[in-house]
C-alpha atoms as a PDB file:
ATOM      1  CA  MET A   1     -13.160  43.603  -4.915  1.00  0.00           C
ATOM      2  CA  ALA A   2     -13.647  43.906  -8.629  1.00  0.00           C
ATOM      3  CA  ARG A   3     -10.314  42.463  -9.715  1.00  0.00           C
ATOM      4  CA  VAL A   4      -8.171  39.914  -7.955  1.00  0.00           C
ATOM      5  CA  THR A   5      -4.440  40.062  -8.303  1.00  0.00           C
ATOM      6  CA  VAL A   6      -1.738  37.755  -7.069  1.00  0.00           C
ATOM      7  CA  GLU A   7      -0.765  40.414  -4.498  1.00  0.00           C
ATOM      8  CA  ASP A   8      -4.183  40.033  -2.840  1.00  0.00           C
ATOM      9  CA  CYS A   9      -3.644  36.282  -2.434  1.00  0.00           C
ATOM     10  CA  ILE A  10       0.083  36.243  -1.685  1.00  0.00           C
ATOM     11  CA  GLU A  11      -0.662  37.372   1.867  1.00  0.00           C
ATOM     12  CA  LYS A  12      -2.576  34.123   2.447  1.00  0.00           C
ATOM     13  CA  ILE A  13      -0.177  31.780   0.637  1.00  0.00           C
ATOM     14  CA  GLN A  14       3.380  33.130   0.534  1.00  0.00           C
ATOM     15  CA  ASN A  15       4.772  30.815  -2.155  1.00  0.00           C
ATOM     16  CA  ARG A  16       3.573  31.888  -5.614  1.00  0.00           C
ATOM     17  CA  PHE A  17       3.910  28.400  -7.063  1.00  0.00           C
ATOM     18  CA  GLU A  18       1.852  26.950  -4.233  1.00  0.00           C
ATOM     19  CA  LEU A  19      -0.737  29.700  -4.731  1.00  0.00           C
ATOM     20  CA  VAL A  20      -1.092  28.818  -8.407  1.00  0.00           C
ATOM     21  CA  MET A  21      -1.392  25.095  -7.608  1.00  0.00           C
ATOM     22  CA  VAL A  22      -4.021  25.649  -4.882  1.00  0.00           C
ATOM     23  CA  ALA A  23      -6.012  28.091  -7.033  1.00  0.00           C
ATOM     24  CA  ALA A  24      -5.954  25.636  -9.947  1.00  0.00           C
ATOM     25  CA  GLN A  25      -7.134  22.850  -7.630  1.00  0.00           C
ATOM     26  CA  ARG A  26     -10.035  25.017  -6.435  1.00  0.00           C
ATOM     27  CA  ALA A  27     -10.865  26.021 -10.039  1.00  0.00           C
ATOM     28  CA  ARG A  28     -11.028  22.312 -10.979  1.00  0.00           C
ATOM     29  CA  LYS A  29     -13.383  21.669  -8.067  1.00  0.00           C
ATOM     30  CA  ILE A  30     -15.588  24.576  -9.134  1.00  0.00           C
ATOM     31  CA  GLY A  31     -15.595  23.230 -12.683  1.00  0.00           C
ATOM     32  CA  SER A  32     -16.699  19.820 -11.430  1.00  0.00           C
ATOM     33  CA  GLY A  33     -19.656  21.304  -9.581  1.00  0.00           C
ATOM     34  CA  ALA A  34     -18.432  22.423  -6.145  1.00  0.00           C
ATOM     35  CA  ALA A  35     -20.486  25.131  -4.475  1.00  0.00           C
ATOM     36  CA  LEU A  36     -19.192  28.696  -4.788  1.00  0.00           C
ATOM     37  CA  THR A  37     -18.514  30.707  -1.640  1.00  0.00           C
ATOM     38  CA  VAL A  38     -18.502  34.086  -3.457  1.00  0.00           C
ATOM     39  CA  ASP A  39     -20.624  35.565  -6.232  1.00  0.00           C
ATOM     40  CA  ARG A  40     -19.445  34.610  -9.693  1.00  0.00           C
ATOM     41  CA  ASP A  41     -19.882  38.139 -11.165  1.00  0.00           C
ATOM     42  CA  ASN A  42     -19.395  36.699 -14.672  1.00  0.00           C
ATOM     43  CA  ASP A  43     -15.834  35.605 -13.762  1.00  0.00           C
ATOM     44  CA  LYS A  44     -14.205  32.399 -14.876  1.00  0.00           C
ATOM     45  CA  ASN A  45     -13.312  29.593 -12.471  1.00  0.00           C
ATOM     46  CA  PRO A  46      -9.640  30.590 -11.882  1.00  0.00           C
ATOM     47  CA  VAL A  47     -10.645  34.148 -10.979  1.00  0.00           C
ATOM     48  CA  VAL A  48     -13.407  32.904  -8.669  1.00  0.00           C
ATOM     49  CA  SER A  49     -10.935  30.562  -6.958  1.00  0.00           C
ATOM     50  CA  LEU A  50      -8.439  33.406  -6.456  1.00  0.00           C
ATOM     51  CA  ARG A  51     -11.203  35.573  -4.992  1.00  0.00           C
ATOM     52  CA  GLU A  52     -12.153  32.784  -2.597  1.00  0.00           C
ATOM     53  CA  ILE A  53      -8.522  32.401  -1.513  1.00  0.00           C
ATOM     54  CA  ALA A  54      -8.110  36.168  -1.041  1.00  0.00           C
ATOM     55  CA  ILE A  55     -11.057  36.436   1.350  1.00  0.00           C
ATOM     56  CA  GLU A  56     -10.354  32.999   2.899  1.00  0.00           C
ATOM     57  CA  SER A  57     -13.863  31.707   2.272  1.00  0.00           C
ATOM     58  CA  VAL A  58     -12.505  28.211   1.555  1.00  0.00           C
ATOM     59  CA  PRO A  59     -10.276  26.231   3.953  1.00  0.00           C
ATOM     60  CA  LEU A  60      -6.757  26.390   2.511  1.00  0.00           C
ATOM     61  CA  ASP A  61      -5.606  23.314   4.431  1.00  0.00           C
ATOM     62  CA  THR A  62      -8.325  21.217   2.808  1.00  0.00           C
ATOM     63  CA  LEU A  63      -7.372  22.482  -0.643  1.00  0.00           C
ATOM     64  CA  LYS A  64      -3.710  21.653  -0.014  1.00  0.00           C
ATOM     65  CA  GLU A  65      -4.596  18.138   1.177  1.00  0.00           C
ATOM     66  CA  ASP A  66      -6.791  17.575  -1.880  1.00  0.00           C
ATOM     67  CA  LEU A  67      -3.978  18.787  -4.112  1.00  0.00           C
ATOM     68  CA  ILE A  68      -1.520  16.366  -2.524  1.00  0.00           C
ATOM     69  CA  ARG A  69      -4.002  13.490  -2.712  1.00  0.00           C
ATOM     70  CA  ASN A  70      -4.640  14.145  -6.428  1.00  0.00           C
ATOM     71  CA  HIS A  71      -0.916  14.059  -7.229  1.00  0.00           C
ATOM     72  CA  GLN A  72      -0.139  10.917  -5.264  1.00  0.00           C
ATOM     73  CA  ARG A  73       0.669   7.814  -7.259  1.00  0.00           C
ATOM     74  CA  MET A  74       0.248   5.385  -4.397  1.00  0.00           C
ATOM     75  CA  VAL A  75      -2.628   4.785  -2.030  1.00  0.00           C
ATOM     76  CA  VAL A  76      -1.684   4.556   1.627  1.00  0.00           C
ATOM     77  CA  TYR A  77      -3.306   1.643   3.466  1.00  0.00           C
ATOM     78  CA  GLU A  78      -4.085   1.539   7.137  1.00  0.00           C
ATOM     79  CA  GLU A  79      -1.797  -0.787   9.089  1.00  0.00           C
ATOM     80  CA  ASP A  80      -4.791  -2.337  10.872  1.00  0.00           C
ATOM     81  CA  GLU A  81      -6.104  -3.653   7.582  1.00  0.00           C
ATOM     82  CA  THR A  82      -5.431  -7.333   7.010  1.00  0.00           C
ATOM     83  CA  ILE A  83      -5.302  -8.893   3.611  1.00  0.00           C
ATOM     84  CA  ASP A  84      -6.592 -12.437   3.265  1.00  0.00           C
ATOM     85  CA  LEU A  85      -4.196 -14.843   1.623  1.00  0.00           C
ATOM     86  CA  MET A  86      -5.306 -16.908  -1.302  1.00  0.00           C
ATOM     87  CA  ASP A  87      -5.124 -20.704  -1.178  1.00  0.00           C
ATOM     88  CA  GLY A  88      -1.511 -21.825  -1.323  1.00  0.00           C
ATOM     89  CA  GLU A  89       0.060 -18.396  -0.709  1.00  0.00           C
ATOM     90  CA  ALA A  90       1.286 -19.328   2.760  1.00  0.00           C
ATOM     91  CA  GLU A  91       3.149 -22.342   1.363  1.00  0.00           C
ATOM     92  CA  TRP A  92       4.659 -20.288  -1.454  1.00  0.00           C
ATOM     93  CA  GLU A  93       5.865 -17.704   1.049  1.00  0.00           C
ATOM     94  CA  LYS A  94       7.512 -20.441   3.122  1.00  0.00           C
ATOM     95  CA  ILE A  95       9.249 -21.734   0.009  1.00  0.00           C
ATOM     96  CA  ALA A  96      10.392 -18.245  -0.995  1.00  0.00           C
ATOM     97  CA  ASN A  97      11.681 -17.328   2.475  1.00  0.00           C
ATOM     98  CA  ARG A  98      13.251 -20.614   3.520  1.00  0.00           C
ATOM     99  CA  GLY A  99      16.951 -20.981   4.019  1.00  0.00           C
ATOM    100  CA  GLU A 100      19.075 -24.030   3.512  1.00  0.00           C
ATOM    101  CA  GLY A 101      18.031 -26.896   5.730  1.00  0.00           C
ATOM    102  CA  ASP A 102      14.594 -25.455   6.445  1.00  0.00           C
ATOM    103  CA  ASP A 103      11.688 -27.815   6.098  1.00  0.00           C
ATOM    104  CA  ILE A 104       8.758 -26.215   4.287  1.00  0.00           C
ATOM    105  CA  TYR A 105       6.234 -28.705   5.642  1.00  0.00           C
ATOM    106  CA  GLY A 106       6.848 -28.259   9.322  1.00  0.00           C
ATOM    107  CA  ASP A 107       9.324 -27.271  11.966  1.00  0.00           C
ATOM    108  CA  GLU A 108      10.045 -30.727  13.357  1.00  0.00           C
ATOM    109  CA  GLU A 109      12.664 -32.908  11.788  1.00  0.00           C
ATOM    110  CA  ILE A 110      11.770 -36.558  11.297  1.00  0.00           C
ATOM    111  CA  ASP A 111      14.443 -39.204  11.411  1.00  0.00           C
ATOM    112  CA  GLU A 112      13.536 -41.801   8.804  1.00  0.00           C
ATOM    113  CA  ASP A 113      15.062 -44.676  10.815  1.00  0.00           C
ATOM    114  CA  GLU A 114      12.941 -43.818  13.863  1.00  0.00           C
ATOM    115  CA  GLU A 115       9.857 -43.505  11.682  1.00  0.00           C
ATOM    116  CA  ASP A 116      10.444 -46.945  10.153  1.00  0.00           C
ATOM    117  CA  ALA A 117      11.065 -48.501  13.562  1.00  0.00           C
ATOM    118  CA  GLU A 118       7.819 -47.037  14.867  1.00  0.00           C
ATOM    119  CA  GLU A 119       5.816 -48.342  11.936  1.00  0.00           C
ATOM    120  CA  GLY A 120       7.398 -51.778  11.992  1.00  0.00           C
ATOM    121  CA  ASP A 121       8.139 -51.566   8.259  1.00  0.00           C
ATOM    122  CA  ALA A 122      11.924 -51.489   8.528  1.00  0.00           C
ATOM    123  CA  GLU A 123      13.684 -52.104   5.260  1.00  0.00           C
ATOM    124  CA  PRO A 124      15.671 -55.335   5.150  1.00  0.00           C
ATOM    125  CA  SER A 125      19.437 -55.042   5.157  1.00  0.00           C
ATOM    126  CA  LEU A 126      21.563 -56.040   2.148  1.00  0.00           C
ATOM    127  CA  GLU A 127      22.588 -59.279   3.896  1.00  0.00           C
ATOM    128  CA  ASP A 128      18.950 -60.224   4.358  1.00  0.00           C
ATOM    129  CA  VAL A 129      18.207 -59.521   0.706  1.00  0.00           C
ATOM    130  CA  ALA A 130      21.277 -61.447  -0.546  1.00  0.00           C
ATOM    131  CA  GLY A 131      20.485 -64.430   1.633  1.00  0.00           C
ATOM    132  CA  ALA A 132      23.708 -64.409   3.578  1.00  0.00           C
ATOM    133  CA  PRO A 133      24.112 -67.293   5.990  1.00  0.00           C
ATOM    134  CA  ALA A 134      23.611 -66.601   9.636  1.00  0.00           C
ATOM    135  CA  ASP A 135      26.685 -66.059  11.711  1.00  0.00           C
ATOM    136  CA  LYS A 136      28.251 -69.234  13.048  1.00  0.00           C
ATOM    137  CA  GLU A 137      29.561 -69.305  16.525  1.00  0.00           C
END
């Protein structure tokens, strides 16, 4: 095969746009040092890539996956992967996600009167502070 035309490759990849994209991806790989699967015959990288596609000497599925991966803007992470939280991030998340009435420091509600009674440090009443006389019977 001295000359490669699009008609030779269109049987392998039916969409012409996809053919051009895959051939360009393979030509980039050849330019970056990938091993050739056909003789160069003094051809440039795009022609060599089209020749490889025409005789199916390179896996087209791999080229398509590489093409997609190169055009992606976002890296997909495995769901098994856990990310360690930095110090204080758990508390900040509680603050950010709490609703009204939620306590960020724990789930149990503490009644201040019960807490004072348990500690024995009950605050004196206003009558005790003012020095009101004791009730007379």
